[in-house]
Every structure is written in C-alpha cells, then in structure tokens.
Amino acid sequence: VGTSDSQSLTNKTLGAGTVYNGGTIGVGYGGTGATTLTGILKGNGAGAFTAVTAPTGALVGDTDTQTLTNKTLGAGTVIGNLSAGSIVGISTAAKEGNVTTAGTQQVVGSTQTQTITNKTVGSTGLTFSGATTDITTVSNEDFTIMPNGAGKVGIGTLTPGANFYVVGTSSVTGKFVSLDLTNQVYAVYAP
C-alpha cells in the first residue's frame, strides 16, 4: 500500500482494528454523512443522517407491538385492534366501561344497523329505512311513549294539537276504549 500514514486506497479490504482519520463518510459508503450527531439517529434516504432529541423516559421501540405509558398520540394516529378486555377512555381518566367518553358523542357504532339502548335522539330525529318491523320490544315488554313536560305525540304532523294527535286515516282492529281523566271508561268503540 505504501509507507506513509496517508494512503489512497482503491479496492482494498480494511482489516480489524483499522482506524480511519479522514473526512466524513457518506451514506453511500456506509457512513452517516454527518460530522456530529447527538440524540436519536434519523435516516434521510440517500442524504446525511440527522439527529432528533430523545423523549424523556423509555423509547417507544422499533416493533409494531408497543407498551405505551404516559405517551401522547399525535393527530392522525391509527390504533389497530385492541385486545379483549381493553378499556379506552376518551377525554376522561374515569373509565366505567370498555369505552368511556366525556363530552358530546355523535356515533352509535360503525354500521347503519344498531342496537340503541338508553340513547337520546338528537334534533335530526331518528330515521327507519327498509325495516320490516321498525320498532320491536323484547318478549312481553310494554312499549311506551313518554313526552317530556307538555310534549305531545303526533302521527303525520309536526304540531300535534292534543296529547295524541293523528293526521290522516286511522284504523283500529278490535275495541277502542276511551278513558276519562280518572281512568274510568268513558266510551267503548267496537266494530
């Protein structure tokens, strides 16, 4: 190779213990392309490596499966399938079920077909579409409509004029019993 410390090496193999005292080694030659680096190395394609400050605490890691403790997930973070028994709290530290939220919730589920229990229907109302039976109850369960305060039940109208107000033709199969204000039979209409 030569007898001086400075050598031009072409197609040479450097053995164990070889010390390189030259300039920065480029990425294309297996180096970082940077003169100094402090923190976590961050690749930049064919360009020089950069360094970012390490977060406090343990690093997240380099595998898809991670145990995150006291980490903040940024905007757009996607969480995959949660294991059975996982509990999620949204905007709250008090978790009472599998998913607990604080604030306004707008989504019942991810499909159009939903089982709704103890939910409040918003100002846009509730739309039934394509169902053979729109509303059913469990076996032997009563179905009641309870307007709040001075509210009324209207069928075919947005402005019912009585507690139960129907606009259009009505049909009753069987007896129709009318009660007075003391729940005494006022009249019975039979076909």
N, C-alpha and C. Protein backbone atom coordinates (compact mmCIF):
# COMPACT_ATOMS: atom_id res chain seq x y z
N VAL A 1 0.84 -1.19 0.00
CA VAL A 1 0.00 0.00 0.00
C VAL A 1 0.87 1.24 0.00
N GLY A 2 1.85 1.26 0.81
CA GLY A 2 2.75 2.40 0.91
C GLY A 2 3.36 2.45 2.30
N THR A 3 4.23 3.44 2.53
CA THR A 3 4.92 3.51 3.82
C THR A 3 4.52 4.72 4.65
N SER A 4 3.62 5.59 4.12
CA SER A 4 3.21 6.78 4.88
C SER A 4 1.84 6.54 5.51
N ASP A 5 1.51 7.42 6.52
CA ASP A 5 0.22 7.28 7.18
C ASP A 5 -0.95 7.59 6.25
N SER A 6 -0.77 8.52 5.31
CA SER A 6 -1.84 8.91 4.39
C SER A 6 -1.74 8.05 3.14
N GLN A 7 -2.84 7.36 2.85
CA GLN A 7 -2.84 6.44 1.72
C GLN A 7 -4.08 6.66 0.87
N SER A 8 -3.97 6.45 -0.41
CA SER A 8 -5.12 6.37 -1.32
C SER A 8 -5.41 4.91 -1.55
N LEU A 9 -6.55 4.44 -1.04
CA LEU A 9 -6.89 3.03 -1.11
C LEU A 9 -7.93 2.81 -2.19
N THR A 10 -7.67 1.89 -3.07
CA THR A 10 -8.61 1.53 -4.13
C THR A 10 -8.76 0.02 -4.14
N ASN A 11 -10.08 -0.41 -3.98
CA ASN A 11 -10.36 -1.85 -3.96
C ASN A 11 -9.53 -2.59 -2.92
N LYS A 12 -9.46 -2.00 -1.74
CA LYS A 12 -8.72 -2.62 -0.65
C LYS A 12 -9.69 -3.05 0.44
N THR A 13 -9.32 -4.06 1.20
CA THR A 13 -10.10 -4.52 2.35
C THR A 13 -9.39 -4.09 3.61
N LEU A 14 -10.12 -3.37 4.47
CA LEU A 14 -9.53 -2.91 5.73
C LEU A 14 -9.73 -3.98 6.78
N GLY A 15 -8.69 -4.36 7.43
CA GLY A 15 -8.76 -5.40 8.42
C GLY A 15 -9.25 -4.89 9.76
N ALA A 16 -9.41 -5.80 10.71
CA ALA A 16 -9.88 -5.45 12.05
C ALA A 16 -8.90 -4.48 12.70
N GLY A 17 -9.45 -3.48 13.41
CA GLY A 17 -8.60 -2.54 14.12
C GLY A 17 -8.15 -1.37 13.27
N THR A 18 -8.55 -1.30 12.02
CA THR A 18 -8.16 -0.19 11.16
C THR A 18 -8.80 1.11 11.64
N VAL A 19 -8.06 2.17 11.73
CA VAL A 19 -8.56 3.47 12.17
C VAL A 19 -8.61 4.40 10.97
N TYR A 20 -9.80 5.03 10.78
CA TYR A 20 -9.97 5.98 9.67
C TYR A 20 -9.91 7.40 10.23
N ASN A 21 -9.00 8.19 9.75
CA ASN A 21 -8.82 9.55 10.24
C ASN A 21 -9.15 10.59 9.17
N GLY A 22 -9.91 10.21 8.18
CA GLY A 22 -10.22 11.14 7.10
C GLY A 22 -11.46 11.96 7.39
N GLY A 23 -12.14 12.47 6.32
CA GLY A 23 -13.34 13.28 6.46
C GLY A 23 -14.57 12.41 6.71
N THR A 24 -15.73 13.04 6.57
CA THR A 24 -16.99 12.37 6.81
C THR A 24 -17.24 11.30 5.75
N ILE A 25 -17.69 10.13 6.18
CA ILE A 25 -18.02 9.04 5.25
C ILE A 25 -19.48 9.21 4.83
N GLY A 26 -19.71 9.26 3.53
CA GLY A 26 -21.05 9.44 3.01
C GLY A 26 -21.94 8.22 3.23
N VAL A 27 -23.26 8.45 3.13
CA VAL A 27 -24.22 7.37 3.32
C VAL A 27 -24.00 6.27 2.29
N GLY A 28 -23.69 6.64 1.09
CA GLY A 28 -23.46 5.66 0.03
C GLY A 28 -22.31 4.73 0.31
N TYR A 29 -21.42 5.12 1.20
CA TYR A 29 -20.27 4.29 1.54
C TYR A 29 -20.41 3.68 2.93
N GLY A 30 -21.63 3.71 3.46
CA GLY A 30 -21.87 3.07 4.75
C GLY A 30 -21.72 4.00 5.93
N GLY A 31 -21.51 5.29 5.71
CA GLY A 31 -21.37 6.24 6.80
C GLY A 31 -22.67 6.97 7.07
N THR A 32 -22.59 7.98 7.94
CA THR A 32 -23.78 8.76 8.28
C THR A 32 -23.92 10.00 7.43
N GLY A 33 -22.82 10.44 6.85
CA GLY A 33 -22.84 11.68 6.08
C GLY A 33 -22.87 12.91 6.94
N ALA A 34 -22.76 12.76 8.25
CA ALA A 34 -22.79 13.88 9.19
C ALA A 34 -21.50 13.93 9.98
N THR A 35 -21.10 15.14 10.34
CA THR A 35 -19.86 15.27 11.11
C THR A 35 -20.08 15.00 12.59
N THR A 36 -21.22 15.47 13.14
CA THR A 36 -21.54 15.20 14.55
C THR A 36 -23.02 14.89 14.66
N LEU A 37 -23.37 14.03 15.61
CA LEU A 37 -24.76 13.64 15.85
C LEU A 37 -24.97 13.48 17.34
N THR A 38 -26.07 14.05 17.85
CA THR A 38 -26.42 13.90 19.26
C THR A 38 -27.90 13.57 19.35
N GLY A 39 -28.26 12.50 20.03
CA GLY A 39 -29.66 12.11 20.17
C GLY A 39 -29.93 10.83 19.41
N ILE A 40 -31.12 10.75 18.85
CA ILE A 40 -31.54 9.56 18.10
C ILE A 40 -31.27 9.79 16.63
N LEU A 41 -30.63 8.81 15.97
CA LEU A 41 -30.35 8.94 14.55
C LEU A 41 -31.62 8.80 13.73
N LYS A 42 -31.71 9.61 12.71
CA LYS A 42 -32.88 9.60 11.83
C LYS A 42 -32.40 9.56 10.40
N GLY A 43 -32.74 8.45 9.71
CA GLY A 43 -32.33 8.30 8.33
C GLY A 43 -33.01 9.31 7.42
N ASN A 44 -32.35 9.62 6.30
CA ASN A 44 -32.88 10.61 5.38
C ASN A 44 -32.63 10.17 3.94
N GLY A 45 -32.98 8.90 3.67
CA GLY A 45 -32.76 8.39 2.31
C GLY A 45 -31.29 8.35 1.98
N ALA A 46 -30.92 8.94 0.84
CA ALA A 46 -29.53 8.97 0.42
C ALA A 46 -28.78 10.13 1.03
N GLY A 47 -29.51 11.06 1.72
CA GLY A 47 -28.86 12.21 2.33
C GLY A 47 -28.26 11.86 3.68
N ALA A 48 -27.62 12.84 4.26
CA ALA A 48 -26.95 12.63 5.55
C ALA A 48 -27.97 12.36 6.66
N PHE A 49 -27.56 11.56 7.62
CA PHE A 49 -28.39 11.31 8.79
C PHE A 49 -28.61 12.62 9.55
N THR A 50 -29.72 12.69 10.25
CA THR A 50 -29.94 13.80 11.18
C THR A 50 -30.19 13.20 12.56
N ALA A 51 -30.22 14.06 13.56
CA ALA A 51 -30.45 13.60 14.93
C ALA A 51 -31.63 14.35 15.53
N VAL A 52 -32.45 13.64 16.28
CA VAL A 52 -33.55 14.26 16.99
C VAL A 52 -33.37 14.01 18.48
N THR A 53 -33.90 14.92 19.29
CA THR A 53 -33.76 14.79 20.74
C THR A 53 -34.59 13.62 21.24
N ALA A 54 -34.02 12.80 22.05
CA ALA A 54 -34.73 11.65 22.60
C ALA A 54 -35.78 12.11 23.60
N PRO A 55 -36.99 11.49 23.58
CA PRO A 55 -38.02 11.87 24.56
C PRO A 55 -37.63 11.40 25.95
N THR A 56 -38.26 12.00 26.96
CA THR A 56 -37.99 11.55 28.32
C THR A 56 -38.59 10.16 28.53
N GLY A 57 -37.99 9.38 29.36
CA GLY A 57 -38.49 8.03 29.60
C GLY A 57 -38.00 7.07 28.53
N ALA A 58 -38.56 5.87 28.56
CA ALA A 58 -38.12 4.84 27.64
C ALA A 58 -38.57 5.17 26.22
N LEU A 59 -37.77 4.77 25.26
CA LEU A 59 -38.15 4.93 23.86
C LEU A 59 -39.31 4.00 23.54
N VAL A 60 -40.06 4.37 22.49
CA VAL A 60 -41.20 3.53 22.11
C VAL A 60 -40.72 2.19 21.62
N GLY A 61 -39.73 2.16 20.77
CA GLY A 61 -39.18 0.91 20.28
C GLY A 61 -39.23 0.84 18.78
N ASP A 62 -38.83 -0.30 18.22
CA ASP A 62 -38.77 -0.43 16.77
C ASP A 62 -39.63 -1.57 16.25
N THR A 63 -40.62 -2.01 17.05
CA THR A 63 -41.54 -3.05 16.59
C THR A 63 -42.95 -2.49 16.58
N ASP A 64 -43.86 -3.20 15.89
CA ASP A 64 -45.24 -2.73 15.79
C ASP A 64 -45.97 -2.83 17.12
N THR A 65 -45.64 -3.81 17.94
CA THR A 65 -46.32 -4.02 19.22
C THR A 65 -45.57 -3.27 20.31
N GLN A 66 -46.25 -2.30 20.95
CA GLN A 66 -45.59 -1.47 21.94
C GLN A 66 -46.45 -1.36 23.19
N THR A 67 -45.78 -1.22 24.32
CA THR A 67 -46.45 -0.85 25.55
C THR A 67 -46.19 0.62 25.78
N LEU A 68 -47.25 1.44 25.66
CA LEU A 68 -47.10 2.88 25.78
C LEU A 68 -47.55 3.33 27.17
N THR A 69 -46.69 4.07 27.85
CA THR A 69 -47.01 4.60 29.16
C THR A 69 -46.75 6.09 29.15
N ASN A 70 -47.81 6.86 29.46
CA ASN A 70 -47.69 8.33 29.50
C ASN A 70 -47.16 8.90 28.19
N LYS A 71 -47.67 8.41 27.09
CA LYS A 71 -47.30 8.92 25.78
C LYS A 71 -48.47 9.70 25.20
N THR A 72 -48.19 10.70 24.40
CA THR A 72 -49.22 11.49 23.73
C THR A 72 -49.25 11.08 22.27
N LEU A 73 -50.44 10.64 21.79
CA LEU A 73 -50.59 10.25 20.40
C LEU A 73 -50.98 11.47 19.60
N GLY A 74 -50.22 11.76 18.55
CA GLY A 74 -50.48 12.94 17.74
C GLY A 74 -51.68 12.78 16.84
N ALA A 75 -52.03 13.87 16.15
CA ALA A 75 -53.16 13.86 15.22
C ALA A 75 -52.93 12.83 14.13
N GLY A 76 -53.99 12.10 13.79
CA GLY A 76 -53.88 11.12 12.72
C GLY A 76 -53.36 9.77 13.16
N THR A 77 -53.11 9.59 14.45
CA THR A 77 -52.62 8.31 14.95
C THR A 77 -53.69 7.23 14.75
N VAL A 78 -53.28 6.10 14.22
CA VAL A 78 -54.20 4.99 13.97
C VAL A 78 -53.89 3.88 14.96
N ILE A 79 -54.91 3.45 15.69
CA ILE A 79 -54.75 2.35 16.63
C ILE A 79 -55.44 1.13 16.05
N GLY A 80 -54.74 0.03 15.97
CA GLY A 80 -55.29 -1.19 15.40
C GLY A 80 -56.25 -1.87 16.35
N ASN A 81 -56.43 -3.15 16.18
CA ASN A 81 -57.37 -3.90 17.02
C ASN A 81 -56.89 -3.93 18.47
N LEU A 82 -57.79 -3.59 19.38
CA LEU A 82 -57.47 -3.69 20.80
C LEU A 82 -57.81 -5.09 21.28
N SER A 83 -57.00 -5.61 22.17
CA SER A 83 -57.22 -6.96 22.65
C SER A 83 -58.48 -7.01 23.52
N ALA A 84 -59.01 -8.21 23.69
CA ALA A 84 -60.21 -8.41 24.51
C ALA A 84 -59.93 -7.91 25.93
N GLY A 85 -60.90 -7.19 26.48
CA GLY A 85 -60.74 -6.66 27.82
C GLY A 85 -60.09 -5.30 27.88
N SER A 86 -59.69 -4.75 26.72
CA SER A 86 -59.08 -3.43 26.71
C SER A 86 -60.11 -2.38 27.10
N ILE A 87 -59.68 -1.35 27.80
CA ILE A 87 -60.55 -0.26 28.22
C ILE A 87 -59.99 1.03 27.65
N VAL A 88 -60.86 1.83 27.04
CA VAL A 88 -60.45 3.08 26.42
C VAL A 88 -61.21 4.23 27.07
N GLY A 89 -60.49 5.25 27.49
CA GLY A 89 -61.12 6.47 28.00
C GLY A 89 -60.83 7.61 27.04
N ILE A 90 -61.84 8.33 26.60
CA ILE A 90 -61.68 9.44 25.69
C ILE A 90 -62.05 10.72 26.44
N SER A 91 -61.09 11.61 26.57
CA SER A 91 -61.28 12.88 27.29
C SER A 91 -61.66 12.68 28.74
N THR A 92 -61.35 11.54 29.29
CA THR A 92 -61.64 11.29 30.70
C THR A 92 -60.70 10.21 31.24
N ALA A 93 -60.33 10.36 32.49
CA ALA A 93 -59.50 9.34 33.13
C ALA A 93 -60.35 8.30 33.84
N ALA A 94 -61.65 8.62 34.06
CA ALA A 94 -62.55 7.70 34.75
C ALA A 94 -63.21 6.80 33.71
N LYS A 95 -62.84 5.54 33.71
CA LYS A 95 -63.35 4.60 32.71
C LYS A 95 -64.32 3.64 33.38
N GLU A 96 -65.59 3.66 32.92
CA GLU A 96 -66.62 2.84 33.54
C GLU A 96 -67.02 1.66 32.67
N GLY A 97 -66.60 1.61 31.45
CA GLY A 97 -66.92 0.51 30.55
C GLY A 97 -65.76 0.31 29.59
N ASN A 98 -65.99 -0.49 28.53
CA ASN A 98 -64.92 -0.70 27.56
C ASN A 98 -64.50 0.61 26.90
N VAL A 99 -65.49 1.48 26.61
CA VAL A 99 -65.19 2.80 26.05
C VAL A 99 -65.99 3.83 26.84
N THR A 100 -65.31 4.79 27.43
CA THR A 100 -65.96 5.86 28.18
C THR A 100 -65.52 7.18 27.59
N THR A 101 -66.47 8.07 27.30
CA THR A 101 -66.13 9.36 26.74
C THR A 101 -66.70 10.47 27.60
N ALA A 102 -66.04 11.61 27.54
CA ALA A 102 -66.56 12.81 28.19
C ALA A 102 -66.81 13.84 27.11
N GLY A 103 -67.99 14.43 27.09
CA GLY A 103 -68.33 15.38 26.04
C GLY A 103 -69.43 14.83 25.17
N THR A 104 -69.54 15.38 23.97
CA THR A 104 -70.62 15.03 23.05
C THR A 104 -70.23 13.80 22.23
N GLN A 105 -71.11 12.81 22.19
CA GLN A 105 -70.89 11.63 21.36
C GLN A 105 -71.91 11.64 20.23
N GLN A 106 -71.45 11.43 19.00
CA GLN A 106 -72.34 11.50 17.85
C GLN A 106 -72.50 10.17 17.14
N VAL A 107 -71.64 9.22 17.39
CA VAL A 107 -71.65 7.97 16.66
C VAL A 107 -72.07 6.84 17.58
N VAL A 108 -73.09 6.08 17.19
CA VAL A 108 -73.52 4.93 17.97
C VAL A 108 -72.62 3.75 17.68
N GLY A 109 -72.33 3.52 16.42
CA GLY A 109 -71.47 2.42 16.02
C GLY A 109 -70.93 2.66 14.64
N SER A 110 -70.33 1.64 14.04
CA SER A 110 -69.69 1.80 12.74
C SER A 110 -70.54 1.29 11.59
N THR A 111 -71.73 0.76 11.89
CA THR A 111 -72.61 0.28 10.83
C THR A 111 -73.95 0.97 10.94
N GLN A 112 -74.75 0.88 9.89
CA GLN A 112 -76.05 1.53 9.90
C GLN A 112 -77.04 0.79 10.80
N THR A 113 -76.85 -0.49 11.01
CA THR A 113 -77.75 -1.27 11.86
C THR A 113 -77.21 -1.24 13.28
N GLN A 114 -78.01 -0.69 14.20
CA GLN A 114 -77.54 -0.51 15.56
C GLN A 114 -78.59 -0.98 16.56
N THR A 115 -78.12 -1.47 17.68
CA THR A 115 -78.98 -1.71 18.84
C THR A 115 -78.78 -0.53 19.78
N ILE A 116 -79.83 0.27 19.96
CA ILE A 116 -79.72 1.51 20.72
C ILE A 116 -80.39 1.31 22.07
N THR A 117 -79.63 1.49 23.13
CA THR A 117 -80.15 1.35 24.48
C THR A 117 -79.81 2.61 25.27
N ASN A 118 -80.84 3.20 25.87
CA ASN A 118 -80.64 4.40 26.70
C ASN A 118 -79.88 5.50 25.97
N LYS A 119 -80.30 5.75 24.73
CA LYS A 119 -79.69 6.81 23.94
C LYS A 119 -80.68 7.94 23.74
N THR A 120 -80.19 9.14 23.59
CA THR A 120 -81.01 10.30 23.31
C THR A 120 -80.89 10.64 21.84
N VAL A 121 -82.02 10.70 21.14
CA VAL A 121 -82.02 11.03 19.72
C VAL A 121 -81.93 12.53 19.58
N GLY A 122 -80.99 13.02 18.78
CA GLY A 122 -80.75 14.44 18.63
C GLY A 122 -81.82 15.14 17.81
N SER A 123 -81.54 16.40 17.49
CA SER A 123 -82.53 17.24 16.81
C SER A 123 -82.81 16.78 15.39
N THR A 124 -81.94 15.96 14.82
CA THR A 124 -82.17 15.49 13.45
C THR A 124 -83.17 14.34 13.40
N GLY A 125 -83.56 13.79 14.56
CA GLY A 125 -84.56 12.73 14.59
C GLY A 125 -83.97 11.37 14.30
N LEU A 126 -84.84 10.39 14.22
CA LEU A 126 -84.46 9.01 14.01
C LEU A 126 -85.16 8.52 12.75
N THR A 127 -84.40 7.99 11.81
CA THR A 127 -84.95 7.55 10.52
C THR A 127 -84.89 6.04 10.42
N PHE A 128 -86.05 5.41 10.11
CA PHE A 128 -86.11 3.97 9.89
C PHE A 128 -86.12 3.73 8.38
N SER A 129 -85.31 2.80 7.93
CA SER A 129 -85.21 2.58 6.50
C SER A 129 -85.15 1.09 6.20
N GLY A 130 -86.14 0.62 5.42
CA GLY A 130 -86.11 -0.75 4.93
C GLY A 130 -86.38 -1.82 5.95
N ALA A 131 -86.83 -1.45 7.16
CA ALA A 131 -87.08 -2.46 8.18
C ALA A 131 -88.50 -3.01 8.04
N THR A 132 -88.64 -4.34 8.14
CA THR A 132 -89.97 -4.95 8.14
C THR A 132 -90.75 -4.51 9.36
N THR A 133 -90.11 -4.54 10.52
CA THR A 133 -90.69 -4.05 11.76
C THR A 133 -89.77 -2.97 12.29
N ASP A 134 -90.25 -1.72 12.29
CA ASP A 134 -89.38 -0.60 12.66
C ASP A 134 -89.02 -0.61 14.14
N ILE A 135 -90.02 -0.83 15.00
CA ILE A 135 -89.76 -0.82 16.44
C ILE A 135 -90.33 -2.09 17.05
N THR A 136 -89.51 -2.82 17.79
CA THR A 136 -89.98 -4.01 18.49
C THR A 136 -89.51 -3.94 19.93
N THR A 137 -90.08 -4.77 20.77
CA THR A 137 -89.63 -4.89 22.15
C THR A 137 -89.22 -6.34 22.40
N VAL A 138 -88.55 -6.56 23.50
CA VAL A 138 -88.26 -7.93 23.88
C VAL A 138 -89.57 -8.60 24.29
N SER A 139 -89.55 -9.90 24.47
CA SER A 139 -90.76 -10.66 24.75
C SER A 139 -91.50 -10.12 25.97
N ASN A 140 -92.82 -9.87 25.80
CA ASN A 140 -93.72 -9.43 26.87
C ASN A 140 -93.36 -8.06 27.45
N GLU A 141 -92.60 -7.27 26.74
CA GLU A 141 -92.21 -5.95 27.22
C GLU A 141 -93.19 -4.91 26.70
N ASP A 142 -93.62 -3.99 27.57
CA ASP A 142 -94.50 -2.91 27.14
C ASP A 142 -93.74 -1.91 26.29
N PHE A 143 -94.47 -1.24 25.40
CA PHE A 143 -93.89 -0.16 24.59
C PHE A 143 -94.59 1.13 24.98
N THR A 144 -93.85 2.07 25.52
CA THR A 144 -94.44 3.31 25.98
C THR A 144 -93.77 4.50 25.31
N ILE A 145 -94.54 5.56 25.12
CA ILE A 145 -94.02 6.83 24.62
C ILE A 145 -94.31 7.87 25.69
N MET A 146 -93.27 8.48 26.21
CA MET A 146 -93.42 9.41 27.32
C MET A 146 -92.86 10.78 26.93
N PRO A 147 -93.71 11.67 26.38
CA PRO A 147 -93.23 13.03 26.10
C PRO A 147 -92.85 13.73 27.40
N ASN A 148 -91.86 14.60 27.31
CA ASN A 148 -91.39 15.30 28.50
C ASN A 148 -92.17 16.60 28.69
N GLY A 149 -92.61 16.87 29.90
CA GLY A 149 -93.32 18.11 30.18
C GLY A 149 -94.64 18.18 29.45
N ALA A 150 -94.82 19.24 28.66
CA ALA A 150 -96.07 19.45 27.92
C ALA A 150 -95.99 18.87 26.52
N GLY A 151 -95.01 17.99 26.27
CA GLY A 151 -94.87 17.41 24.94
C GLY A 151 -96.04 16.54 24.56
N LYS A 152 -96.25 16.39 23.26
CA LYS A 152 -97.38 15.61 22.75
C LYS A 152 -96.86 14.61 21.73
N VAL A 153 -97.67 13.61 21.43
CA VAL A 153 -97.34 12.60 20.43
C VAL A 153 -98.14 12.91 19.18
N GLY A 154 -97.44 13.10 18.08
CA GLY A 154 -98.11 13.38 16.82
C GLY A 154 -97.75 12.36 15.77
N ILE A 155 -98.73 11.89 15.03
CA ILE A 155 -98.51 10.98 13.90
C ILE A 155 -99.00 11.70 12.65
N GLY A 156 -98.12 11.89 11.71
CA GLY A 156 -98.47 12.59 10.49
C GLY A 156 -98.47 14.09 10.63
N THR A 157 -97.94 14.60 11.73
CA THR A 157 -97.90 16.05 11.96
C THR A 157 -96.71 16.41 12.84
N LEU A 158 -96.15 17.59 12.60
CA LEU A 158 -95.08 18.10 13.45
C LEU A 158 -95.61 18.97 14.58
N THR A 159 -96.93 19.29 14.52
CA THR A 159 -97.53 20.15 15.55
C THR A 159 -98.80 19.51 16.10
N PRO A 160 -98.66 18.45 16.90
CA PRO A 160 -99.85 17.80 17.44
C PRO A 160 -100.65 18.75 18.33
N GLY A 161 -101.97 18.72 18.17
CA GLY A 161 -102.83 19.61 18.94
C GLY A 161 -103.38 18.99 20.20
N ALA A 162 -103.06 17.76 20.50
CA ALA A 162 -103.52 17.08 21.71
C ALA A 162 -102.43 16.12 22.14
N ASN A 163 -102.62 15.49 23.31
CA ASN A 163 -101.60 14.55 23.80
C ASN A 163 -101.30 13.47 22.78
N PHE A 164 -102.33 12.99 22.07
CA PHE A 164 -102.14 12.02 21.00
C PHE A 164 -102.93 12.53 19.80
N TYR A 165 -102.25 12.88 18.75
CA TYR A 165 -102.89 13.57 17.63
C TYR A 165 -102.48 12.88 16.34
N VAL A 166 -103.48 12.46 15.57
CA VAL A 166 -103.24 11.74 14.32
C VAL A 166 -103.82 12.55 13.17
N VAL A 167 -103.02 12.76 12.15
CA VAL A 167 -103.50 13.41 10.94
C VAL A 167 -103.53 12.35 9.84
N GLY A 168 -104.70 12.10 9.27
CA GLY A 168 -104.85 11.07 8.26
C GLY A 168 -105.80 10.00 8.74
N THR A 169 -106.00 9.00 7.91
CA THR A 169 -106.94 7.91 8.22
C THR A 169 -106.32 6.97 9.25
N SER A 170 -107.09 6.63 10.28
CA SER A 170 -106.63 5.71 11.32
C SER A 170 -107.47 4.44 11.25
N SER A 171 -106.87 3.34 11.63
CA SER A 171 -107.58 2.07 11.63
C SER A 171 -107.27 1.33 12.92
N VAL A 172 -108.32 0.81 13.56
CA VAL A 172 -108.16 0.06 14.80
C VAL A 172 -108.80 -1.31 14.63
N THR A 173 -108.06 -2.36 14.92
CA THR A 173 -108.60 -3.71 14.90
C THR A 173 -108.91 -4.11 16.33
N GLY A 174 -110.16 -4.41 16.63
CA GLY A 174 -110.56 -4.71 17.99
C GLY A 174 -111.22 -3.51 18.62
N LYS A 175 -111.41 -3.53 19.92
CA LYS A 175 -112.10 -2.45 20.62
C LYS A 175 -111.18 -1.24 20.82
N PHE A 176 -111.79 -0.07 20.79
CA PHE A 176 -111.08 1.16 21.11
C PHE A 176 -111.74 1.72 22.36
N VAL A 177 -111.02 1.74 23.48
CA VAL A 177 -111.57 2.15 24.76
C VAL A 177 -111.08 3.55 25.09
N SER A 178 -112.00 4.44 25.37
CA SER A 178 -111.68 5.81 25.76
C SER A 178 -111.89 5.97 27.25
N LEU A 179 -110.84 6.49 27.95
CA LEU A 179 -110.91 6.69 29.39
C LEU A 179 -111.02 8.19 29.69
N ASP A 180 -111.67 8.50 30.82
CA ASP A 180 -111.72 9.89 31.24
C ASP A 180 -110.47 10.21 32.07
N LEU A 181 -110.42 11.40 32.66
CA LEU A 181 -109.22 11.83 33.37
C LEU A 181 -108.95 11.03 34.63
N THR A 182 -109.94 10.27 35.11
CA THR A 182 -109.73 9.44 36.30
C THR A 182 -109.54 7.97 35.92
N ASN A 183 -109.25 7.73 34.64
CA ASN A 183 -109.02 6.39 34.10
C ASN A 183 -110.28 5.52 34.15
N GLN A 184 -111.44 6.16 34.20
CA GLN A 184 -112.70 5.42 34.11
C GLN A 184 -113.10 5.33 32.63
N VAL A 185 -113.73 4.23 32.28
CA VAL A 185 -114.14 4.03 30.89
C VAL A 185 -115.17 5.10 30.51
N TYR A 186 -114.84 5.85 29.49
CA TYR A 186 -115.72 6.91 29.02
C TYR A 186 -116.56 6.41 27.86
N ALA A 187 -115.92 5.68 26.98
CA ALA A 187 -116.67 5.16 25.83
C ALA A 187 -115.91 3.96 25.29
N VAL A 188 -116.61 3.04 24.69
CA VAL A 188 -116.03 1.87 24.05
C VAL A 188 -116.54 1.82 22.62
N TYR A 189 -115.61 1.78 21.70
CA TYR A 189 -115.95 1.68 20.29
C TYR A 189 -115.54 0.30 19.81
N ALA A 190 -116.51 -0.43 19.26
CA ALA A 190 -116.24 -1.79 18.80
C ALA A 190 -116.74 -1.93 17.38
N PRO A 191 -116.06 -2.70 16.56
CA PRO A 191 -116.54 -2.90 15.17
C PRO A 191 -117.85 -3.68 15.15
